[in-house]
Amino acid sequence: MKKRLSPLVLILFLFTISCVSKNEYISKIDLLCANFDSNKNLSITEFQTGIGNGKNDIIVTSGKVIFSKDDRTTQKIEESSFAHYNYETNIYYKNEKPVKAVITIRSNPETSIEKLDYETIYYYKNKKCLQRINEKPEFTNCDETRKSANLLRASYPIIE
């Protein structure tokens, strides 16, 4: 007599395998980002946008497009915006696709009424949000951040 696995056992087995591979992928992305950040052979192009009349200019956004001179398949875009809150976005790309985003929102002591100190981390795989850490929908959204990451990458091509 053949014994069959119950559907529940099969589902639990597949879920366990899925979780392990997800955690392994996230560990690989974290290692990729740590190695990138510690790399000394980087090319950095800085940019700024703002408003003004030529005399009274105010920087609203500044950032950097960064890539390794050794491995051009990995890039990072850092962007900071200053208003009532200070927004810092760091997006890592592999083969021109976002793989990780770290977003920090902090109160601007000069203009903020309420105190805010918020950070979220998103991991992406195959154009999908794989993992959300500390997401608060009133501040950020994983899928919208991915769309913005793709627009940022298209807006700031690698400049040599």
N, C-alpha and C. Protein backbone atom coordinates (compact mmCIF):
# COMPACT_ATOMS: atom_id res chain seq x y z
N MET A 1 0.83 -1.17 0.00
CA MET A 1 0.00 0.00 0.00
C MET A 1 0.88 1.25 0.00
N LYS A 2 0.63 2.15 -0.94
CA LYS A 2 1.40 3.38 -1.04
C LYS A 2 0.92 4.39 -0.03
N LYS A 3 1.89 5.05 0.59
CA LYS A 3 1.54 6.13 1.49
C LYS A 3 1.68 7.44 0.73
N ARG A 4 0.71 8.29 0.91
CA ARG A 4 0.74 9.60 0.25
C ARG A 4 0.93 10.67 1.31
N LEU A 5 1.65 11.69 0.91
CA LEU A 5 1.81 12.82 1.81
C LEU A 5 0.51 13.60 1.86
N SER A 6 0.18 14.02 3.02
CA SER A 6 -1.03 14.83 3.12
C SER A 6 -0.75 16.19 2.48
N PRO A 7 -1.76 16.84 1.94
CA PRO A 7 -1.57 18.16 1.33
C PRO A 7 -0.97 19.16 2.31
N LEU A 8 -1.34 19.08 3.57
CA LEU A 8 -0.81 20.00 4.56
C LEU A 8 0.69 19.83 4.73
N VAL A 9 1.17 18.61 4.79
CA VAL A 9 2.61 18.33 4.92
C VAL A 9 3.35 18.86 3.69
N LEU A 10 2.79 18.64 2.53
CA LEU A 10 3.40 19.12 1.30
C LEU A 10 3.48 20.64 1.28
N ILE A 11 2.42 21.31 1.67
CA ILE A 11 2.40 22.78 1.71
C ILE A 11 3.44 23.29 2.71
N LEU A 12 3.51 22.69 3.88
CA LEU A 12 4.50 23.11 4.88
C LEU A 12 5.93 22.90 4.37
N PHE A 13 6.16 21.81 3.68
CA PHE A 13 7.48 21.54 3.12
C PHE A 13 7.85 22.60 2.08
N LEU A 14 6.94 22.91 1.18
CA LEU A 14 7.21 23.92 0.15
C LEU A 14 7.39 25.30 0.76
N PHE A 15 6.61 25.62 1.79
CA PHE A 15 6.74 26.90 2.47
C PHE A 15 8.12 27.02 3.13
N THR A 16 8.57 25.96 3.76
CA THR A 16 9.89 25.95 4.42
C THR A 16 11.00 26.18 3.39
N ILE A 17 10.93 25.48 2.27
CA ILE A 17 11.93 25.66 1.21
C ILE A 17 11.90 27.08 0.70
N SER A 18 10.72 27.63 0.51
CA SER A 18 10.57 29.00 0.03
C SER A 18 11.19 29.99 1.00
N CYS A 19 10.94 29.82 2.30
CA CYS A 19 11.50 30.73 3.31
C CYS A 19 13.01 30.66 3.34
N VAL A 20 13.57 29.47 3.24
CA VAL A 20 15.02 29.31 3.26
C VAL A 20 15.63 30.02 2.05
N SER A 21 15.07 29.81 0.87
CA SER A 21 15.63 30.43 -0.32
C SER A 21 15.46 31.96 -0.27
N LYS A 22 14.36 32.43 0.30
CA LYS A 22 14.15 33.87 0.47
C LYS A 22 15.21 34.45 1.41
N ASN A 23 15.44 33.80 2.53
CA ASN A 23 16.45 34.28 3.48
C ASN A 23 17.86 34.22 2.89
N GLU A 24 18.14 33.18 2.12
CA GLU A 24 19.45 33.08 1.45
C GLU A 24 19.62 34.22 0.45
N TYR A 25 18.58 34.52 -0.31
CA TYR A 25 18.63 35.61 -1.27
C TYR A 25 18.88 36.95 -0.57
N ILE A 26 18.16 37.20 0.52
CA ILE A 26 18.33 38.45 1.27
C ILE A 26 19.75 38.54 1.83
N SER A 27 20.28 37.43 2.32
CA SER A 27 21.66 37.41 2.83
C SER A 27 22.65 37.74 1.71
N LYS A 28 22.41 37.21 0.52
CA LYS A 28 23.29 37.50 -0.63
C LYS A 28 23.21 38.97 -1.02
N ILE A 29 22.02 39.54 -0.99
CA ILE A 29 21.85 40.95 -1.34
C ILE A 29 22.54 41.82 -0.29
N ASP A 30 22.38 41.49 0.99
CA ASP A 30 23.06 42.25 2.05
C ASP A 30 24.58 42.19 1.88
N LEU A 31 25.10 41.03 1.53
CA LEU A 31 26.53 40.88 1.30
C LEU A 31 26.97 41.70 0.08
N LEU A 32 26.20 41.63 -0.98
CA LEU A 32 26.48 42.43 -2.17
C LEU A 32 26.55 43.91 -1.83
N CYS A 33 25.59 44.40 -1.06
CA CYS A 33 25.55 45.82 -0.69
C CYS A 33 26.71 46.19 0.24
N ALA A 34 27.02 45.34 1.19
CA ALA A 34 28.14 45.60 2.10
C ALA A 34 29.46 45.64 1.34
N ASN A 35 29.65 44.70 0.42
CA ASN A 35 30.87 44.69 -0.39
C ASN A 35 30.94 45.93 -1.27
N PHE A 36 29.81 46.33 -1.82
CA PHE A 36 29.78 47.53 -2.66
C PHE A 36 30.16 48.76 -1.85
N ASP A 37 29.55 48.91 -0.66
CA ASP A 37 29.82 50.08 0.18
C ASP A 37 31.27 50.13 0.67
N SER A 38 31.92 48.97 0.78
CA SER A 38 33.30 48.96 1.26
C SER A 38 34.31 49.07 0.11
N ASN A 39 33.82 49.04 -1.12
CA ASN A 39 34.69 49.11 -2.29
C ASN A 39 35.35 50.50 -2.37
N LYS A 40 36.63 50.53 -2.64
CA LYS A 40 37.37 51.81 -2.76
C LYS A 40 37.50 52.27 -4.20
N ASN A 41 37.20 51.41 -5.16
CA ASN A 41 37.38 51.74 -6.57
C ASN A 41 36.02 52.10 -7.20
N LEU A 42 35.43 53.19 -6.68
CA LEU A 42 34.10 53.60 -7.12
C LEU A 42 34.18 54.86 -7.97
N SER A 43 33.25 54.98 -8.87
CA SER A 43 33.07 56.20 -9.63
C SER A 43 31.80 56.87 -9.09
N ILE A 44 31.89 58.14 -8.73
CA ILE A 44 30.77 58.85 -8.12
C ILE A 44 30.46 60.10 -8.94
N THR A 45 29.22 60.23 -9.35
CA THR A 45 28.75 61.43 -10.02
C THR A 45 27.70 62.06 -9.11
N GLU A 46 27.94 63.32 -8.72
CA GLU A 46 27.01 64.00 -7.83
C GLU A 46 26.07 64.89 -8.62
N PHE A 47 24.87 65.07 -8.09
CA PHE A 47 23.90 65.95 -8.73
C PHE A 47 23.12 66.72 -7.66
N GLN A 48 22.58 67.87 -8.07
CA GLN A 48 21.74 68.68 -7.20
C GLN A 48 20.61 69.28 -8.02
N THR A 49 19.46 69.39 -7.40
CA THR A 49 18.35 70.11 -8.00
C THR A 49 17.84 71.09 -6.95
N GLY A 50 17.20 72.13 -7.41
CA GLY A 50 16.69 73.10 -6.46
C GLY A 50 15.82 74.14 -7.12
N ILE A 51 15.54 75.16 -6.36
CA ILE A 51 14.75 76.29 -6.85
C ILE A 51 15.51 77.56 -6.55
N GLY A 52 15.25 78.58 -7.33
CA GLY A 52 15.91 79.85 -7.08
C GLY A 52 15.83 80.76 -8.28
N ASN A 53 16.43 81.91 -8.12
CA ASN A 53 16.43 82.91 -9.18
C ASN A 53 17.84 83.30 -9.61
N GLY A 54 18.80 82.51 -9.21
CA GLY A 54 20.18 82.81 -9.55
C GLY A 54 20.92 83.52 -8.43
N LYS A 55 20.18 84.19 -7.57
CA LYS A 55 20.78 84.88 -6.42
C LYS A 55 20.47 84.15 -5.12
N ASN A 56 19.23 83.73 -4.99
CA ASN A 56 18.78 83.04 -3.78
C ASN A 56 18.39 81.61 -4.14
N ASP A 57 19.38 80.77 -4.33
CA ASP A 57 19.12 79.39 -4.73
C ASP A 57 19.01 78.49 -3.51
N ILE A 58 18.05 77.58 -3.56
CA ILE A 58 17.84 76.63 -2.47
C ILE A 58 17.95 75.22 -3.04
N ILE A 59 18.85 74.43 -2.48
CA ILE A 59 18.99 73.04 -2.90
C ILE A 59 17.85 72.25 -2.28
N VAL A 60 17.09 71.55 -3.12
CA VAL A 60 15.97 70.74 -2.64
C VAL A 60 16.37 69.27 -2.60
N THR A 61 17.09 68.82 -3.61
CA THR A 61 17.50 67.42 -3.71
C THR A 61 18.97 67.35 -4.10
N SER A 62 19.68 66.46 -3.46
CA SER A 62 21.05 66.20 -3.88
C SER A 62 21.24 64.68 -3.87
N GLY A 63 22.22 64.25 -4.62
CA GLY A 63 22.42 62.80 -4.65
C GLY A 63 23.69 62.40 -5.37
N LYS A 64 23.85 61.11 -5.46
CA LYS A 64 25.03 60.53 -6.10
C LYS A 64 24.62 59.30 -6.89
N VAL A 65 25.22 59.15 -8.05
CA VAL A 65 25.13 57.92 -8.82
C VAL A 65 26.49 57.25 -8.66
N ILE A 66 26.51 56.04 -8.13
CA ILE A 66 27.77 55.38 -7.78
C ILE A 66 27.83 54.01 -8.46
N PHE A 67 28.98 53.71 -9.01
CA PHE A 67 29.18 52.36 -9.54
C PHE A 67 30.63 51.96 -9.34
N SER A 68 30.85 50.68 -9.32
CA SER A 68 32.19 50.14 -9.16
C SER A 68 32.87 50.14 -10.52
N LYS A 69 34.09 50.60 -10.55
CA LYS A 69 34.86 50.57 -11.80
C LYS A 69 35.22 49.13 -12.17
N ASP A 70 35.22 48.24 -11.17
CA ASP A 70 35.57 46.84 -11.41
C ASP A 70 34.37 46.02 -11.90
N ASP A 71 33.20 46.33 -11.37
CA ASP A 71 32.00 45.55 -11.69
C ASP A 71 30.85 46.51 -11.95
N ARG A 72 30.61 46.81 -13.19
CA ARG A 72 29.60 47.80 -13.54
C ARG A 72 28.18 47.26 -13.46
N THR A 73 28.02 46.00 -13.07
CA THR A 73 26.66 45.46 -12.98
C THR A 73 25.96 45.88 -11.69
N THR A 74 26.72 46.36 -10.71
CA THR A 74 26.15 46.81 -9.45
C THR A 74 26.30 48.31 -9.34
N GLN A 75 25.17 48.97 -9.03
CA GLN A 75 25.18 50.42 -8.87
C GLN A 75 24.39 50.80 -7.62
N LYS A 76 24.56 52.05 -7.24
CA LYS A 76 23.81 52.58 -6.10
C LYS A 76 23.47 54.03 -6.41
N ILE A 77 22.25 54.40 -6.10
CA ILE A 77 21.86 55.81 -6.19
C ILE A 77 21.48 56.26 -4.80
N GLU A 78 22.14 57.33 -4.35
CA GLU A 78 21.81 57.95 -3.07
C GLU A 78 21.12 59.27 -3.39
N GLU A 79 19.99 59.50 -2.75
CA GLU A 79 19.28 60.74 -2.99
C GLU A 79 18.78 61.28 -1.65
N SER A 80 18.95 62.59 -1.46
CA SER A 80 18.48 63.24 -0.24
C SER A 80 17.62 64.43 -0.63
N SER A 81 16.48 64.56 0.03
CA SER A 81 15.60 65.70 -0.19
C SER A 81 15.40 66.39 1.14
N PHE A 82 15.33 67.71 1.07
CA PHE A 82 15.23 68.50 2.29
C PHE A 82 13.99 69.37 2.22
N ALA A 83 13.14 69.25 3.18
CA ALA A 83 11.94 70.08 3.28
C ALA A 83 11.56 70.08 4.76
N HIS A 84 10.30 69.83 5.04
CA HIS A 84 9.90 69.74 6.45
C HIS A 84 10.54 68.53 7.11
N TYR A 85 10.82 67.52 6.28
CA TYR A 85 11.51 66.33 6.76
C TYR A 85 12.69 66.07 5.84
N ASN A 86 13.71 65.41 6.37
CA ASN A 86 14.86 65.03 5.55
C ASN A 86 14.65 63.60 5.10
N TYR A 87 14.61 63.42 3.79
CA TYR A 87 14.40 62.11 3.18
C TYR A 87 15.73 61.63 2.60
N GLU A 88 16.15 60.44 2.98
CA GLU A 88 17.35 59.85 2.41
C GLU A 88 16.96 58.50 1.81
N THR A 89 17.30 58.33 0.54
CA THR A 89 16.98 57.09 -0.16
C THR A 89 18.27 56.52 -0.72
N ASN A 90 18.56 55.27 -0.41
CA ASN A 90 19.69 54.55 -0.97
C ASN A 90 19.14 53.32 -1.68
N ILE A 91 19.36 53.28 -2.99
CA ILE A 91 18.85 52.16 -3.77
C ILE A 91 20.01 51.45 -4.44
N TYR A 92 20.07 50.14 -4.25
CA TYR A 92 21.10 49.31 -4.85
C TYR A 92 20.49 48.59 -6.06
N TYR A 93 21.28 48.52 -7.12
CA TYR A 93 20.83 47.89 -8.36
C TYR A 93 21.81 46.78 -8.75
N LYS A 94 21.27 45.73 -9.29
CA LYS A 94 22.07 44.66 -9.89
C LYS A 94 21.51 44.45 -11.29
N ASN A 95 22.39 44.59 -12.28
CA ASN A 95 21.97 44.49 -13.68
C ASN A 95 20.82 45.45 -13.99
N GLU A 96 20.94 46.66 -13.47
CA GLU A 96 20.00 47.77 -13.70
C GLU A 96 18.62 47.56 -13.09
N LYS A 97 18.46 46.58 -12.22
CA LYS A 97 17.19 46.34 -11.55
C LYS A 97 17.38 46.56 -10.05
N PRO A 98 16.44 47.23 -9.40
CA PRO A 98 16.59 47.44 -7.95
C PRO A 98 16.54 46.12 -7.19
N VAL A 99 17.45 45.97 -6.22
CA VAL A 99 17.46 44.77 -5.38
C VAL A 99 17.26 45.11 -3.91
N LYS A 100 17.58 46.37 -3.53
CA LYS A 100 17.41 46.77 -2.13
C LYS A 100 17.23 48.28 -2.08
N ALA A 101 16.33 48.71 -1.21
CA ALA A 101 16.14 50.15 -0.97
C ALA A 101 16.11 50.39 0.53
N VAL A 102 16.82 51.41 0.96
CA VAL A 102 16.81 51.83 2.36
C VAL A 102 16.33 53.28 2.37
N ILE A 103 15.24 53.51 3.06
CA ILE A 103 14.65 54.86 3.10
C ILE A 103 14.63 55.32 4.55
N THR A 104 15.13 56.53 4.76
CA THR A 104 15.14 57.13 6.09
C THR A 104 14.44 58.48 6.02
N ILE A 105 13.53 58.71 6.93
CA ILE A 105 12.85 60.00 7.02
C ILE A 105 13.04 60.50 8.45
N ARG A 106 13.61 61.71 8.54
CA ARG A 106 13.87 62.31 9.86
C ARG A 106 13.33 63.73 9.89
N SER A 107 12.98 64.16 11.05
CA SER A 107 12.51 65.52 11.23
C SER A 107 13.61 66.51 10.88
N ASN A 108 13.23 67.59 10.24
CA ASN A 108 14.14 68.70 10.01
C ASN A 108 13.97 69.64 11.20
N PRO A 109 14.98 69.79 12.05
CA PRO A 109 14.81 70.56 13.28
C PRO A 109 14.41 72.02 13.02
N GLU A 110 14.72 72.53 11.84
CA GLU A 110 14.40 73.93 11.54
C GLU A 110 12.95 74.13 11.12
N THR A 111 12.32 73.09 10.57
CA THR A 111 10.98 73.29 10.03
C THR A 111 9.93 72.31 10.52
N SER A 112 10.31 71.23 11.13
CA SER A 112 9.34 70.20 11.52
C SER A 112 8.64 70.56 12.81
N ILE A 113 7.36 70.29 12.82
CA ILE A 113 6.58 70.50 14.03
C ILE A 113 6.66 69.26 14.91
N GLU A 114 6.46 68.09 14.28
CA GLU A 114 6.51 66.86 15.05
C GLU A 114 7.81 66.11 14.78
N LYS A 115 8.24 65.35 15.78
CA LYS A 115 9.48 64.58 15.66
C LYS A 115 9.20 63.27 14.92
N LEU A 116 10.06 62.97 13.97
CA LEU A 116 9.91 61.74 13.20
C LEU A 116 11.29 61.15 12.95
N ASP A 117 11.43 59.86 13.20
CA ASP A 117 12.66 59.13 12.92
C ASP A 117 12.23 57.76 12.41
N TYR A 118 12.28 57.58 11.10
CA TYR A 118 11.70 56.39 10.47
C TYR A 118 12.68 55.82 9.46
N GLU A 119 12.82 54.50 9.46
CA GLU A 119 13.64 53.83 8.45
C GLU A 119 12.95 52.53 8.03
N THR A 120 12.95 52.29 6.74
CA THR A 120 12.42 51.04 6.21
C THR A 120 13.42 50.46 5.22
N ILE A 121 13.38 49.15 5.06
CA ILE A 121 14.24 48.47 4.10
C ILE A 121 13.36 47.57 3.25
N TYR A 122 13.59 47.63 1.95
CA TYR A 122 12.86 46.79 1.01
C TYR A 122 13.85 45.95 0.22
N TYR A 123 13.46 44.71 -0.05
CA TYR A 123 14.23 43.83 -0.91
C TYR A 123 13.36 43.47 -2.11
N TYR A 124 13.98 43.45 -3.29
CA TYR A 124 13.26 43.17 -4.52
C TYR A 124 13.89 41.98 -5.25
N LYS A 125 13.02 41.22 -5.91
CA LYS A 125 13.49 40.12 -6.74
C LYS A 125 12.48 39.94 -7.88
N ASN A 126 13.00 39.88 -9.09
CA ASN A 126 12.15 39.68 -10.27
C ASN A 126 11.00 40.69 -10.34
N LYS A 127 11.33 41.95 -10.15
CA LYS A 127 10.36 43.06 -10.25
C LYS A 127 9.24 43.00 -9.21
N LYS A 128 9.47 42.26 -8.14
CA LYS A 128 8.46 42.14 -7.08
C LYS A 128 9.09 42.49 -5.74
N CYS A 129 8.26 42.98 -4.84
CA CYS A 129 8.71 43.24 -3.48
C CYS A 129 8.79 41.91 -2.74
N LEU A 130 9.99 41.56 -2.33
CA LEU A 130 10.21 40.28 -1.68
C LEU A 130 10.07 40.38 -0.15
N GLN A 131 10.59 41.46 0.42
CA GLN A 131 10.60 41.61 1.88
C GLN A 131 10.42 43.08 2.24
N ARG A 132 9.59 43.34 3.23
CA ARG A 132 9.36 44.69 3.75
C ARG A 132 9.75 44.68 5.22
N ILE A 133 10.64 45.57 5.61
CA ILE A 133 11.05 45.66 7.00
C ILE A 133 10.66 47.03 7.51
N ASN A 134 9.82 47.05 8.52
CA ASN A 134 9.39 48.28 9.20
C ASN A 134 8.60 49.22 8.28
N GLU A 135 7.87 48.69 7.34
CA GLU A 135 7.09 49.55 6.44
C GLU A 135 5.90 50.16 7.19
N LYS A 136 5.74 51.46 7.03
CA LYS A 136 4.56 52.17 7.52
C LYS A 136 3.91 52.81 6.30
N PRO A 137 2.75 52.31 5.90
CA PRO A 137 2.13 52.77 4.65
C PRO A 137 1.87 54.28 4.59
N GLU A 138 1.77 54.94 5.73
CA GLU A 138 1.56 56.38 5.68
C GLU A 138 2.82 57.14 5.25
N PHE A 139 3.98 56.45 5.25
CA PHE A 139 5.23 57.08 4.85
C PHE A 139 5.80 56.52 3.54
N THR A 140 5.80 55.20 3.41
CA THR A 140 6.41 54.57 2.23
C THR A 140 5.61 53.35 1.81
N ASN A 141 5.89 52.92 0.58
CA ASN A 141 5.22 51.75 0.02
C ASN A 141 6.23 51.01 -0.84
N CYS A 142 6.35 49.74 -0.63
CA CYS A 142 7.36 48.93 -1.31
C CYS A 142 7.23 48.98 -2.83
N ASP A 143 6.01 48.80 -3.33
CA ASP A 143 5.81 48.77 -4.77
C ASP A 143 6.04 50.14 -5.40
N GLU A 144 5.60 51.20 -4.72
CA GLU A 144 5.82 52.56 -5.25
C GLU A 144 7.31 52.91 -5.22
N THR A 145 8.01 52.45 -4.19
CA THR A 145 9.44 52.68 -4.11
C THR A 145 10.17 51.98 -5.26
N ARG A 146 9.73 50.78 -5.61
CA ARG A 146 10.33 50.05 -6.74
C ARG A 146 10.12 50.83 -8.04
N LYS A 147 8.91 51.35 -8.24
CA LYS A 147 8.64 52.14 -9.45
C LYS A 147 9.53 53.38 -9.47
N SER A 148 9.65 54.05 -8.32
CA SER A 148 10.52 55.23 -8.24
C SER A 148 11.97 54.86 -8.49
N ALA A 149 12.38 53.70 -7.99
CA ALA A 149 13.76 53.25 -8.20
C ALA A 149 14.05 53.05 -9.68
N ASN A 150 13.08 52.50 -10.40
CA ASN A 150 13.26 52.31 -11.84
C ASN A 150 13.32 53.66 -12.56
N LEU A 151 12.50 54.61 -12.14
CA LEU A 151 12.54 55.94 -12.75
C LEU A 151 13.86 56.65 -12.43
N LEU A 152 14.32 56.52 -11.19
CA LEU A 152 15.61 57.13 -10.83
C LEU A 152 16.73 56.56 -11.68
N ARG A 153 16.75 55.26 -11.83
CA ARG A 153 17.81 54.61 -12.61
C ARG A 153 17.78 55.09 -14.06
N ALA A 154 16.59 55.28 -14.61
CA ALA A 154 16.47 55.77 -15.98
C ALA A 154 16.83 57.25 -16.08
N SER A 155 16.58 58.01 -15.01
CA SER A 155 16.86 59.45 -15.03
C SER A 155 18.33 59.78 -14.87
N TYR A 156 19.04 58.94 -14.13
CA TYR A 156 20.44 59.19 -13.85
C TYR A 156 21.29 58.06 -14.40
N PRO A 157 21.48 58.01 -15.72
CA PRO A 157 22.31 56.93 -16.26
C PRO A 157 23.74 57.09 -15.77
N ILE A 158 24.45 56.01 -15.81
CA ILE A 158 25.85 56.04 -15.35
C ILE A 158 26.66 56.95 -16.24
N ILE A 159 27.32 57.88 -15.61
CA ILE A 159 28.15 58.85 -16.32
C ILE A 159 29.60 58.52 -16.03
N GLU A 160 30.39 58.40 -17.06
CA GLU A 160 31.81 58.07 -16.83
C GLU A 160 32.64 59.33 -16.85
